[in-house]
Amino acid sequence: MVWIPGGTFLMGSDHHYPEEAPAHRVSVDGFWMDATTVTNRDFAHFVKATGYITLAERPADPADYPGARPELLAASSILFRKPSAPVDMSNHYNWWHYVAGADWRHPRGPASSIRGLMDHPVVHVAWEDVAAYAHWACKALPTEAEWEFAARGGLDGREFVWGDDLPPNGKYMANTWQGEFPYRNTREDGFEYTSPVRAFPPNGYGLYDMAGNVWQWTADWYGDHGTRHRSCCTVANPRGGAAEESFDPNAPGMRIPRRVTKGGSHLCAPNYCRRYRPAARMAQPIDTAISHLGFRCIKRPAPKAEAMP
């Protein structure tokens, strides 16, 4: 793990996607953070030690999803499949598919495996899976503020975790999409899917893949920056909103809480999703596993005991 010294920074952005605004001053205390996302090797150790079965490996309970088609209740996960030609960009079902047999052991579908991918980030892990791993490892998931502060690596207010240019001097600093998403990836960075966790340079704090490769879970319930951060002063150690405030307002029939994910992934592209930036954020339902989402853990120092009078 790497020590993140803590400090004050400008969280969010006023110049990109609306959910990132407003930019606001935040401070966080110091903490330890995993230098890389949790890998398939790490997760395999956890599963071997505990016998844990991930959400994607278990059939869904019909009582939790009344009216769902039976095939959607099978042990499944959401998988990216590249179309062969341009498609309607307003319909994400043109590239996202619910696939039976896709899980962390089979990251690209039931016929795939993690052989040769042990140093790649584990994917297809839902919130309860990452929480179980963190508990086993005696660690925690970072808050959104902790994650973003760490991602910036000391470069407060910069566009990317390495500076302001993508890519600087033609050098790719993260695993992202080159070409036309979702049907043509020119792989100028060397990768079509995920990459080994140390394939690209670390940021200023020595953390790898704080942009691209896979999105990363945080502990915060998703909420609007505009309603949660209106203070004129620096907010200290924010912990996010409430579960009941995180539901998707565009899907009123789905009362599934959502948590904040950060960092972007290998599927982020200039023509579709410029979220390979530290300020970027997405809402992820806690019951959903997907092929481009992983996590990393932190440890906070134990509180200092108060001096006796």
C-alpha atoms as a PDB file:
ATOM      1  CA  MET A   1       0.000   0.000   0.000  1.00  0.00           C
ATOM      2  CA  VAL A   2       1.031   3.632  -0.525  1.00  0.00           C
ATOM      3  CA  TRP A   3       0.723   6.414   2.050  1.00  0.00           C
ATOM      4  CA  ILE A   4      -1.495   9.276   0.836  1.00  0.00           C
ATOM      5  CA  PRO A   5      -0.609  12.284   2.997  1.00  0.00           C
ATOM      6  CA  GLY A   6      -3.977  14.008   2.937  1.00  0.00           C
ATOM      7  CA  GLY A   7      -4.620  17.686   2.299  1.00  0.00           C
ATOM      8  CA  THR A   8      -6.976  20.134   0.624  1.00  0.00           C
ATOM      9  CA  PHE A   9      -7.893  20.095  -3.070  1.00  0.00           C
ATOM     10  CA  LEU A  10     -10.442  21.266  -5.619  1.00  0.00           C
ATOM     11  CA  MET A  11     -12.877  18.365  -6.062  1.00  0.00           C
ATOM     12  CA  GLY A  12     -15.026  18.040  -9.162  1.00  0.00           C
ATOM     13  CA  SER A  13     -15.014  20.194 -12.299  1.00  0.00           C
ATOM     14  CA  ASP A  14     -17.068  23.008 -13.809  1.00  0.00           C
ATOM     15  CA  HIS A  15     -15.886  22.310 -17.362  1.00  0.00           C
ATOM     16  CA  HIS A  16     -17.037  18.792 -18.278  1.00  0.00           C
ATOM     17  CA  TYR A  17     -20.056  16.642 -17.402  1.00  0.00           C
ATOM     18  CA  PRO A  18     -22.793  18.253 -15.274  1.00  0.00           C
ATOM     19  CA  GLU A  19     -22.584  15.634 -12.492  1.00  0.00           C
ATOM     20  CA  GLU A  20     -19.019  16.799 -11.746  1.00  0.00           C
ATOM     21  CA  ALA A  21     -20.093  20.355 -10.900  1.00  0.00           C
ATOM     22  CA  PRO A  22     -19.680  22.457  -8.941  1.00  0.00           C
ATOM     23  CA  ALA A  23     -15.981  22.278  -8.227  1.00  0.00           C
ATOM     24  CA  HIS A  24     -15.547  22.737  -4.476  1.00  0.00           C
ATOM     25  CA  ARG A  25     -12.796  22.718  -1.852  1.00  0.00           C
ATOM     26  CA  VAL A  26     -12.445  19.514   0.143  1.00  0.00           C
ATOM     27  CA  SER A  27      -9.911  18.251   2.648  1.00  0.00           C
ATOM     28  CA  VAL A  28      -9.130  14.644   3.544  1.00  0.00           C
ATOM     29  CA  ASP A  29      -6.980  13.099   6.248  1.00  0.00           C
ATOM     30  CA  GLY A  30      -4.079  10.826   5.366  1.00  0.00           C
ATOM     31  CA  PHE A  31      -4.630   7.127   4.625  1.00  0.00           C
ATOM     32  CA  TRP A  32      -2.975   4.106   3.031  1.00  0.00           C
ATOM     33  CA  MET A  33      -4.161   3.008  -0.419  1.00  0.00           C
ATOM     34  CA  ASP A  34      -3.519  -0.078  -2.540  1.00  0.00           C
ATOM     35  CA  ALA A  35      -0.941   0.822  -5.193  1.00  0.00           C
ATOM     36  CA  THR A  36      -2.986  -1.100  -7.768  1.00  0.00           C
ATOM     37  CA  THR A  37      -6.532  -2.257  -8.235  1.00  0.00           C
ATOM     38  CA  VAL A  38      -7.277  -5.685  -6.773  1.00  0.00           C
ATOM     39  CA  THR A  39      -6.102  -8.261  -9.310  1.00  0.00           C
ATOM     40  CA  ASN A  40      -7.454 -11.649 -10.316  1.00  0.00           C
ATOM     41  CA  ARG A  41      -4.583 -13.159  -8.325  1.00  0.00           C
ATOM     42  CA  ASP A  42      -5.567 -11.171  -5.210  1.00  0.00           C
ATOM     43  CA  PHE A  43      -9.221 -12.078  -5.559  1.00  0.00           C
ATOM     44  CA  ALA A  44      -8.411 -15.737  -6.146  1.00  0.00           C
ATOM     45  CA  HIS A  45      -6.530 -15.805  -2.812  1.00  0.00           C
ATOM     46  CA  PHE A  46      -9.622 -14.376  -1.122  1.00  0.00           C
ATOM     47  CA  VAL A  47     -11.943 -16.917  -2.732  1.00  0.00           C
ATOM     48  CA  LYS A  48      -9.634 -19.816  -1.873  1.00  0.00           C
ATOM     49  CA  ALA A  49      -9.431 -18.693   1.759  1.00  0.00           C
ATOM     50  CA  THR A  50     -13.152 -18.070   2.227  1.00  0.00           C
ATOM     51  CA  GLY A  51     -15.059 -20.067  -0.380  1.00  0.00           C
ATOM     52  CA  TYR A  52     -16.809 -16.851  -1.389  1.00  0.00           C
ATOM     53  CA  ILE A  53     -19.180 -16.917  -4.378  1.00  0.00           C
ATOM     54  CA  THR A  54     -19.727 -13.611  -6.154  1.00  0.00           C
ATOM     55  CA  LEU A  55     -23.113 -12.163  -6.989  1.00  0.00           C
ATOM     56  CA  ALA A  56     -22.602 -12.810 -10.713  1.00  0.00           C
ATOM     57  CA  GLU A  57     -22.027 -16.510  -9.984  1.00  0.00           C
ATOM     58  CA  ARG A  58     -25.372 -16.879  -8.187  1.00  0.00           C
ATOM     59  CA  PRO A  59     -28.851 -17.002  -9.760  1.00  0.00           C
ATOM     60  CA  ALA A  60     -30.947 -13.966  -8.858  1.00  0.00           C
ATOM     61  CA  ASP A  61     -33.845 -14.314  -6.441  1.00  0.00           C
ATOM     62  CA  PRO A  62     -37.111 -13.846  -8.409  1.00  0.00           C
ATOM     63  CA  ALA A  63     -38.610 -12.113  -5.364  1.00  0.00           C
ATOM     64  CA  ASP A  64     -36.076  -9.307  -5.770  1.00  0.00           C
ATOM     65  CA  TYR A  65     -36.979  -8.740  -9.432  1.00  0.00           C
ATOM     66  CA  PRO A  66     -40.726  -9.268  -9.877  1.00  0.00           C
ATOM     67  CA  GLY A  67     -41.718  -9.693 -13.480  1.00  0.00           C
ATOM     68  CA  ALA A  68     -38.175 -10.340 -14.728  1.00  0.00           C
ATOM     69  CA  ARG A  69     -37.774 -12.775 -17.603  1.00  0.00           C
ATOM     70  CA  PRO A  70     -36.415 -16.153 -16.386  1.00  0.00           C
ATOM     71  CA  GLU A  71     -33.289 -15.899 -18.551  1.00  0.00           C
ATOM     72  CA  LEU A  72     -32.362 -12.666 -16.787  1.00  0.00           C
ATOM     73  CA  LEU A  73     -32.384 -14.435 -13.416  1.00  0.00           C
ATOM     74  CA  ALA A  74     -29.600 -16.862 -14.380  1.00  0.00           C
ATOM     75  CA  ALA A  75     -26.125 -16.368 -12.952  1.00  0.00           C
ATOM     76  CA  SER A  76     -24.985 -13.542 -15.234  1.00  0.00           C
ATOM     77  CA  SER A  77     -23.098 -10.303 -15.590  1.00  0.00           C
ATOM     78  CA  ILE A  78     -22.999  -7.374 -18.009  1.00  0.00           C
ATOM     79  CA  LEU A  79     -20.442  -7.763 -20.788  1.00  0.00           C
ATOM     80  CA  PHE A  80     -19.131  -5.375 -23.431  1.00  0.00           C
ATOM     81  CA  ARG A  81     -19.296  -6.775 -26.957  1.00  0.00           C
ATOM     82  CA  LYS A  82     -17.870  -4.668 -29.750  1.00  0.00           C
ATOM     83  CA  PRO A  83     -20.237  -4.099 -32.691  1.00  0.00           C
ATOM     84  CA  SER A  84     -18.831  -4.738 -36.152  1.00  0.00           C
ATOM     85  CA  ALA A  85     -20.016  -1.407 -37.571  1.00  0.00           C
ATOM     86  CA  PRO A  86     -21.296   2.008 -36.428  1.00  0.00           C
ATOM     87  CA  VAL A  87     -24.451   1.829 -34.293  1.00  0.00           C
ATOM     88  CA  ASP A  88     -26.987   4.146 -32.699  1.00  0.00           C
ATOM     89  CA  MET A  89     -24.947   5.802 -29.928  1.00  0.00           C
ATOM     90  CA  SER A  90     -28.066   6.697 -27.940  1.00  0.00           C
ATOM     91  CA  ASN A  91     -28.758   3.014 -27.238  1.00  0.00           C
ATOM     92  CA  HIS A  92     -26.094   1.449 -25.018  1.00  0.00           C
ATOM     93  CA  TYR A  93     -27.684  -1.971 -25.476  1.00  0.00           C
ATOM     94  CA  ASN A  94     -25.907  -1.989 -28.829  1.00  0.00           C
ATOM     95  CA  TRP A  95     -22.727  -2.888 -26.954  1.00  0.00           C
ATOM     96  CA  TRP A  96     -23.745  -3.922 -23.418  1.00  0.00           C
ATOM     97  CA  HIS A  97     -25.208  -7.411 -23.047  1.00  0.00           C
ATOM     98  CA  TYR A  98     -26.438  -9.445 -20.081  1.00  0.00           C
ATOM     99  CA  VAL A  99     -24.493 -12.703 -20.479  1.00  0.00           C
ATOM    100  CA  ALA A 100     -25.076 -15.909 -18.559  1.00  0.00           C
ATOM    101  CA  GLY A 101     -21.790 -17.388 -17.382  1.00  0.00           C
ATOM    102  CA  ALA A 102     -19.852 -14.113 -17.410  1.00  0.00           C
ATOM    103  CA  ASP A 103     -18.170 -13.579 -14.035  1.00  0.00           C
ATOM    104  CA  TRP A 104     -14.777 -12.819 -12.519  1.00  0.00           C
ATOM    105  CA  ARG A 105     -13.424 -16.223 -13.575  1.00  0.00           C
ATOM    106  CA  HIS A 106     -14.818 -15.741 -17.104  1.00  0.00           C
ATOM    107  CA  PRO A 107     -14.319 -12.015 -17.741  1.00  0.00           C
ATOM    108  CA  ARG A 108     -15.067 -12.077 -21.479  1.00  0.00           C
ATOM    109  CA  GLY A 109     -17.889 -14.611 -21.398  1.00  0.00           C
ATOM    110  CA  PRO A 110     -18.422 -18.248 -20.395  1.00  0.00           C
ATOM    111  CA  ALA A 111     -15.821 -19.570 -22.864  1.00  0.00           C
ATOM    112  CA  SER A 112     -13.073 -17.315 -21.473  1.00  0.00           C
ATOM    113  CA  SER A 113     -10.863 -17.687 -18.404  1.00  0.00           C
ATOM    114  CA  ILE A 114      -8.383 -15.680 -16.334  1.00  0.00           C
ATOM    115  CA  ARG A 115      -5.464 -17.820 -17.471  1.00  0.00           C
ATOM    116  CA  GLY A 116      -2.757 -15.340 -18.378  1.00  0.00           C
ATOM    117  CA  LEU A 117      -4.728 -12.508 -16.739  1.00  0.00           C
ATOM    118  CA  MET A 118      -3.741 -12.954 -13.094  1.00  0.00           C
ATOM    119  CA  ASP A 119      -2.129  -9.493 -12.994  1.00  0.00           C
ATOM    120  CA  HIS A 120      -5.161  -7.844 -14.590  1.00  0.00           C
ATOM    121  CA  PRO A 121      -7.818  -6.170 -12.421  1.00  0.00           C
ATOM    122  CA  VAL A 122     -10.619  -8.399 -11.224  1.00  0.00           C
ATOM    123  CA  VAL A 123     -13.931  -7.429 -12.848  1.00  0.00           C
ATOM    124  CA  HIS A 124     -17.584  -8.532 -12.685  1.00  0.00           C
ATOM    125  CA  VAL A 125     -17.632  -7.730  -8.952  1.00  0.00           C
ATOM    126  CA  ALA A 126     -20.750  -6.144  -7.433  1.00  0.00           C
ATOM    127  CA  TRP A 127     -20.763  -3.996  -4.309  1.00  0.00           C
ATOM    128  CA  GLU A 128     -21.322  -6.869  -1.870  1.00  0.00           C
ATOM    129  CA  ASP A 129     -18.357  -8.698  -3.414  1.00  0.00           C
ATOM    130  CA  VAL A 130     -15.919  -5.822  -2.956  1.00  0.00           C
ATOM    131  CA  ALA A 131     -17.221  -5.169   0.570  1.00  0.00           C
ATOM    132  CA  ALA A 132     -16.650  -8.838   1.448  1.00  0.00           C
ATOM    133  CA  TYR A 133     -13.094  -8.702   0.097  1.00  0.00           C
ATOM    134  CA  ALA A 134     -12.318  -5.502   1.998  1.00  0.00           C
ATOM    135  CA  HIS A 135     -13.637  -7.003   5.241  1.00  0.00           C
ATOM    136  CA  TRP A 136     -11.515 -10.134   4.736  1.00  0.00           C
ATOM    137  CA  ALA A 137      -8.427  -8.011   4.035  1.00  0.00           C
ATOM    138  CA  CYS A 138      -9.090  -5.786   7.089  1.00  0.00           C
ATOM    139  CA  LYS A 139      -9.349  -2.783   4.785  1.00  0.00           C
ATOM    140  CA  ALA A 140     -12.073  -0.430   3.533  1.00  0.00           C
ATOM    141  CA  LEU A 141     -13.301   1.145   0.305  1.00  0.00           C
ATOM    142  CA  PRO A 142     -12.304   4.799  -0.204  1.00  0.00           C
ATOM    143  CA  THR A 143     -14.802   7.629  -0.160  1.00  0.00           C
ATOM    144  CA  GLU A 144     -15.182   9.541  -3.396  1.00  0.00           C
ATOM    145  CA  ALA A 145     -13.170  12.426  -1.938  1.00  0.00           C
ATOM    146  CA  GLU A 146     -10.360  10.151  -0.755  1.00  0.00           C
ATOM    147  CA  TRP A 147     -10.259   8.440  -4.145  1.00  0.00           C
ATOM    148  CA  GLU A 148     -10.181  11.688  -6.108  1.00  0.00           C
ATOM    149  CA  PHE A 149      -7.546  13.289  -3.877  1.00  0.00           C
ATOM    150  CA  ALA A 150      -5.336  10.214  -4.271  1.00  0.00           C
ATOM    151  CA  ALA A 151      -5.920  10.080  -8.040  1.00  0.00           C
ATOM    152  CA  ARG A 152      -4.705  13.626  -8.508  1.00  0.00           C
ATOM    153  CA  GLY A 153      -1.317  12.674  -7.087  1.00  0.00           C
ATOM    154  CA  GLY A 154      -0.619  16.207  -5.887  1.00  0.00           C
ATOM    155  CA  LEU A 155      -1.627  17.869  -9.200  1.00  0.00           C
ATOM    156  CA  ASP A 156      -4.539  19.928  -7.916  1.00  0.00           C
ATOM    157  CA  GLY A 157      -6.898  21.226 -10.579  1.00  0.00           C
ATOM    158  CA  ARG A 158      -5.218  19.458 -13.507  1.00  0.00           C
ATOM    159  CA  GLU A 159      -7.194  17.772 -16.260  1.00  0.00           C
ATOM    160  CA  PHE A 160      -5.679  14.303 -15.924  1.00  0.00           C
ATOM    161  CA  VAL A 161      -3.825  12.439 -13.215  1.00  0.00           C
ATOM    162  CA  TRP A 162      -0.550  13.175 -15.065  1.00  0.00           C
ATOM    163  CA  GLY A 163      -1.185  16.770 -16.219  1.00  0.00           C
ATOM    164  CA  ASP A 164      -3.219  18.546 -18.886  1.00  0.00           C
ATOM    165  CA  ASP A 165      -2.360  16.767 -22.156  1.00  0.00           C
ATOM    166  CA  LEU A 166      -3.818  13.524 -23.550  1.00  0.00           C
ATOM    167  CA  PRO A 167      -1.464  11.984 -24.458  1.00  0.00           C
ATOM    168  CA  PRO A 168       1.613  14.050 -23.458  1.00  0.00           C
ATOM    169  CA  ASN A 169       4.151  14.067 -26.305  1.00  0.00           C
ATOM    170  CA  GLY A 170       2.225  11.235 -27.944  1.00  0.00           C
ATOM    171  CA  LYS A 171       2.743   8.864 -25.002  1.00  0.00           C
ATOM    172  CA  TYR A 172      -0.315   7.055 -23.692  1.00  0.00           C
ATOM    173  CA  MET A 173      -0.497   7.225 -19.915  1.00  0.00           C
ATOM    174  CA  ALA A 174      -3.545   5.018 -19.381  1.00  0.00           C
ATOM    175  CA  ASN A 175      -5.509   2.183 -20.956  1.00  0.00           C
ATOM    176  CA  THR A 176      -8.311   3.948 -22.816  1.00  0.00           C
ATOM    177  CA  TRP A 177     -10.046   3.636 -26.203  1.00  0.00           C
ATOM    178  CA  GLN A 178      -8.466   5.004 -29.384  1.00  0.00           C
ATOM    179  CA  GLY A 179     -10.520   5.139 -32.560  1.00  0.00           C
ATOM    180  CA  GLU A 180     -14.289   5.283 -32.843  1.00  0.00           C
ATOM    181  CA  PHE A 181     -16.201   3.857 -29.903  1.00  0.00           C
ATOM    182  CA  PRO A 182     -17.820   1.312 -29.801  1.00  0.00           C
ATOM    183  CA  TYR A 183     -16.919  -0.476 -33.032  1.00  0.00           C
ATOM    184  CA  ARG A 184     -13.282   0.436 -33.885  1.00  0.00           C
ATOM    185  CA  ASN A 185     -10.412   0.392 -31.406  1.00  0.00           C
ATOM    186  CA  THR A 186      -7.030   1.115 -32.976  1.00  0.00           C
ATOM    187  CA  ARG A 187      -5.236  -0.055 -29.797  1.00  0.00           C
ATOM    188  CA  GLU A 188      -2.535   2.608 -30.012  1.00  0.00           C
ATOM    189  CA  ASP A 189      -1.991   2.146 -26.265  1.00  0.00           C
ATOM    190  CA  GLY A 190      -1.363  -1.570 -26.838  1.00  0.00           C
ATOM    191  CA  PHE A 191      -4.563  -2.998 -25.354  1.00  0.00           C
ATOM    192  CA  GLU A 192      -8.021  -4.011 -26.525  1.00  0.00           C
ATOM    193  CA  TYR A 193      -9.422  -5.006 -23.136  1.00  0.00           C
ATOM    194  CA  THR A 194      -7.957  -4.693 -19.630  1.00  0.00           C
ATOM    195  CA  SER A 195      -4.216  -4.383 -19.115  1.00  0.00           C
ATOM    196  CA  PRO A 196      -1.877  -5.612 -16.356  1.00  0.00           C
ATOM    197  CA  VAL A 197      -2.121  -3.290 -13.375  1.00  0.00           C
ATOM    198  CA  ARG A 198       1.395  -1.840 -13.739  1.00  0.00           C
ATOM    199  CA  ALA A 199       1.378  -1.443 -17.516  1.00  0.00           C
ATOM    200  CA  PHE A 200       1.301   2.368 -17.381  1.00  0.00           C
ATOM    201  CA  PRO A 201       3.242   4.885 -15.260  1.00  0.00           C
ATOM    202  CA  PRO A 202       2.016   5.633 -11.713  1.00  0.00           C
ATOM    203  CA  ASN A 203       0.775   9.031 -10.643  1.00  0.00           C
ATOM    204  CA  GLY A 204       2.598  11.370  -8.287  1.00  0.00           C
ATOM    205  CA  TYR A 205       1.706   9.269  -5.230  1.00  0.00           C
ATOM    206  CA  GLY A 206       2.850   5.997  -6.806  1.00  0.00           C
ATOM    207  CA  LEU A 207      -0.662   4.746  -7.612  1.00  0.00           C
ATOM    208  CA  TYR A 208      -1.292   2.833 -10.832  1.00  0.00           C
ATOM    209  CA  ASP A 209      -4.384   2.976 -13.055  1.00  0.00           C
ATOM    210  CA  MET A 210      -6.104   5.919 -11.404  1.00  0.00           C
ATOM    211  CA  ALA A 211      -7.332   6.641 -14.933  1.00  0.00           C
ATOM    212  CA  GLY A 212      -8.560   4.082 -17.424  1.00  0.00           C
ATOM    213  CA  ASN A 213      -8.307   0.283 -17.376  1.00  0.00           C
ATOM    214  CA  VAL A 214     -11.324  -0.270 -15.074  1.00  0.00           C
ATOM    215  CA  TRP A 215     -13.774   1.902 -13.183  1.00  0.00           C
ATOM    216  CA  GLN A 216     -13.407   1.618  -9.414  1.00  0.00           C
ATOM    217  CA  TRP A 217     -16.017   1.354  -6.675  1.00  0.00           C
ATOM    218  CA  THR A 218     -16.051   3.899  -3.855  1.00  0.00           C
ATOM    219  CA  ALA A 219     -17.933   3.757  -0.566  1.00  0.00           C
ATOM    220  CA  ASP A 220     -20.100   6.849  -1.210  1.00  0.00           C
ATOM    221  CA  TRP A 221     -23.759   6.709  -2.142  1.00  0.00           C
ATOM    222  CA  TYR A 222     -24.239   8.611  -5.362  1.00  0.00           C
ATOM    223  CA  GLY A 223     -25.563  12.130  -5.013  1.00  0.00           C
ATOM    224  CA  ASP A 224     -25.518  15.411  -6.864  1.00  0.00           C
ATOM    225  CA  HIS A 225     -22.541  17.645  -6.056  1.00  0.00           C
ATOM    226  CA  GLY A 226     -24.774  20.673  -6.521  1.00  0.00           C
ATOM    227  CA  THR A 227     -27.108  19.732  -3.671  1.00  0.00           C
ATOM    228  CA  ARG A 228     -24.545  18.202  -1.329  1.00  0.00           C
ATOM    229  CA  HIS A 229     -21.789  20.827  -1.498  1.00  0.00           C
ATOM    230  CA  ARG A 230     -23.038  24.391  -1.088  1.00  0.00           C
ATOM    231  CA  SER A 231     -20.757  25.461   1.740  1.00  0.00           C
ATOM    232  CA  CYS A 232     -18.553  28.501   1.204  1.00  0.00           C
ATOM    233  CA  CYS A 233     -15.887  26.777   3.284  1.00  0.00           C
ATOM    234  CA  THR A 234     -13.719  23.703   2.790  1.00  0.00           C
ATOM    235  CA  VAL A 235     -15.600  20.462   3.478  1.00  0.00           C
ATOM    236  CA  ALA A 236     -13.593  18.080   5.665  1.00  0.00           C
ATOM    237  CA  ASN A 237     -13.665  14.323   4.991  1.00  0.00           C
ATOM    238  CA  PRO A 238     -17.060  14.178   3.223  1.00  0.00           C
ATOM    239  CA  ARG A 239     -18.708  10.770   3.316  1.00  0.00           C
ATOM    240  CA  GLY A 240     -21.364  11.063   0.603  1.00  0.00           C
ATOM    241  CA  GLY A 241     -25.130  11.110   0.829  1.00  0.00           C
ATOM    242  CA  ALA A 242     -27.787   8.585   1.851  1.00  0.00           C
ATOM    243  CA  ALA A 243     -28.810   5.349   0.139  1.00  0.00           C
ATOM    244  CA  GLU A 244     -32.403   6.477  -0.359  1.00  0.00           C
ATOM    245  CA  GLU A 245     -31.187   9.589  -2.176  1.00  0.00           C
ATOM    246  CA  SER A 246     -29.084   7.586  -4.635  1.00  0.00           C
ATOM    247  CA  PHE A 247     -31.883   5.971  -6.676  1.00  0.00           C
ATOM    248  CA  ASP A 248     -31.922   6.710 -10.393  1.00  0.00           C
ATOM    249  CA  PRO A 249     -34.530   9.459 -10.981  1.00  0.00           C
ATOM    250  CA  ASN A 250     -34.849   8.318 -14.608  1.00  0.00           C
ATOM    251  CA  ALA A 251     -35.985   4.860 -13.508  1.00  0.00           C
ATOM    252  CA  PRO A 252     -38.550   5.465 -10.746  1.00  0.00           C
ATOM    253  CA  GLY A 253     -39.599   1.809 -10.756  1.00  0.00           C
ATOM    254  CA  MET A 254     -36.109   0.637  -9.840  1.00  0.00           C
ATOM    255  CA  ARG A 255     -35.403   1.284  -6.173  1.00  0.00           C
ATOM    256  CA  ILE A 256     -31.824   0.045  -6.262  1.00  0.00           C
ATOM    257  CA  PRO A 257     -29.267   2.214  -4.428  1.00  0.00           C
ATOM    258  CA  ARG A 258     -26.243   3.391  -6.389  1.00  0.00           C
ATOM    259  CA  ARG A 259     -22.679   4.115  -5.320  1.00  0.00           C
ATOM    260  CA  VAL A 260     -20.087   6.368  -6.926  1.00  0.00           C
ATOM    261  CA  THR A 261     -17.513   4.828  -9.247  1.00  0.00           C
ATOM    262  CA  LYS A 262     -14.414   6.686 -10.403  1.00  0.00           C
ATOM    263  CA  GLY A 263     -11.569   6.606 -12.878  1.00  0.00           C
ATOM    264  CA  GLY A 264     -12.985   5.618 -16.255  1.00  0.00           C
ATOM    265  CA  SER A 265     -11.976   2.464 -18.112  1.00  0.00           C
ATOM    266  CA  HIS A 266     -10.468   0.989 -21.251  1.00  0.00           C
ATOM    267  CA  LEU A 267     -13.810   1.780 -22.926  1.00  0.00           C
ATOM    268  CA  CYS A 268     -13.615   5.553 -22.381  1.00  0.00           C
ATOM    269  CA  ALA A 269     -13.076   7.376 -25.673  1.00  0.00           C
ATOM    270  CA  PRO A 270     -12.905  11.022 -26.792  1.00  0.00           C
ATOM    271  CA  ASN A 271     -15.962  10.526 -29.034  1.00  0.00           C
ATOM    272  CA  TYR A 272     -18.161   9.027 -26.315  1.00  0.00           C
ATOM    273  CA  CYS A 273     -17.003   9.097 -22.672  1.00  0.00           C
ATOM    274  CA  ARG A 274     -14.217  11.456 -21.613  1.00  0.00           C
ATOM    275  CA  ARG A 275     -14.277  10.158 -18.063  1.00  0.00           C
ATOM    276  CA  TYR A 276     -10.626   9.133 -17.737  1.00  0.00           C
ATOM    277  CA  ARG A 277     -10.188  12.183 -15.488  1.00  0.00           C
ATOM    278  CA  PRO A 278     -10.022  12.403 -11.680  1.00  0.00           C
ATOM    279  CA  ALA A 279     -13.119  14.635 -11.462  1.00  0.00           C
ATOM    280  CA  ALA A 280     -15.282  12.227 -13.484  1.00  0.00           C
ATOM    281  CA  ARG A 281     -17.852  10.108 -11.697  1.00  0.00           C
ATOM    282  CA  MET A 282     -20.556   7.576 -12.489  1.00  0.00           C
ATOM    283  CA  ALA A 283     -23.429   5.993 -10.553  1.00  0.00           C
ATOM    284  CA  GLN A 284     -23.413   2.205 -10.292  1.00  0.00           C
ATOM    285  CA  PRO A 285     -26.311   0.122  -8.912  1.00  0.00           C
ATOM    286  CA  ILE A 286     -25.032  -1.996  -6.047  1.00  0.00           C
ATOM    287  CA  ASP A 287     -26.548  -5.189  -7.467  1.00  0.00           C
ATOM    288  CA  THR A 288     -24.761  -4.898 -10.810  1.00  0.00           C
ATOM    289  CA  ALA A 289     -21.489  -6.479 -11.933  1.00  0.00           C
ATOM    290  CA  ILE A 290     -19.938  -5.461 -15.231  1.00  0.00           C
ATOM    291  CA  SER A 291     -16.862  -6.221 -17.323  1.00  0.00           C
ATOM    292  CA  HIS A 292     -15.052  -2.894 -16.867  1.00  0.00           C
ATOM    293  CA  LEU A 293     -15.505  -2.271 -13.129  1.00  0.00           C
ATOM    294  CA  GLY A 294     -13.096  -3.245 -10.337  1.00  0.00           C
ATOM    295  CA  PHE A 295     -11.846  -1.729  -7.076  1.00  0.00           C
ATOM    296  CA  ARG A 296      -8.980  -0.969  -4.730  1.00  0.00           C
ATOM    297  CA  CYS A 297      -8.900  -0.651  -0.950  1.00  0.00           C
ATOM    298  CA  ILE A 298      -7.572   1.726   1.670  1.00  0.00           C
ATOM    299  CA  LYS A 299      -6.634   1.682   5.339  1.00  0.00           C
ATOM    300  CA  ARG A 300      -7.186   4.663   7.602  1.00  0.00           C
ATOM    301  CA  PRO A 301      -4.925   5.155  10.624  1.00  0.00           C
ATOM    302  CA  ALA A 302      -6.452   4.210  13.939  1.00  0.00           C
ATOM    303  CA  PRO A 303      -7.852   7.250  15.799  1.00  0.00           C
ATOM    304  CA  LYS A 304      -5.477   8.645  18.363  1.00  0.00           C
ATOM    305  CA  ALA A 305      -6.549   8.036  21.936  1.00  0.00           C
ATOM    306  CA  GLU A 306      -7.499  11.190  23.779  1.00  0.00           C
ATOM    307  CA  ALA A 307      -5.096  12.192  26.528  1.00  0.00           C
ATOM    308  CA  MET A 308      -6.329  11.588  30.060  1.00  0.00           C
ATOM    309  CA  PRO A 309      -7.052  14.792  32.021  1.00  0.00           C
END
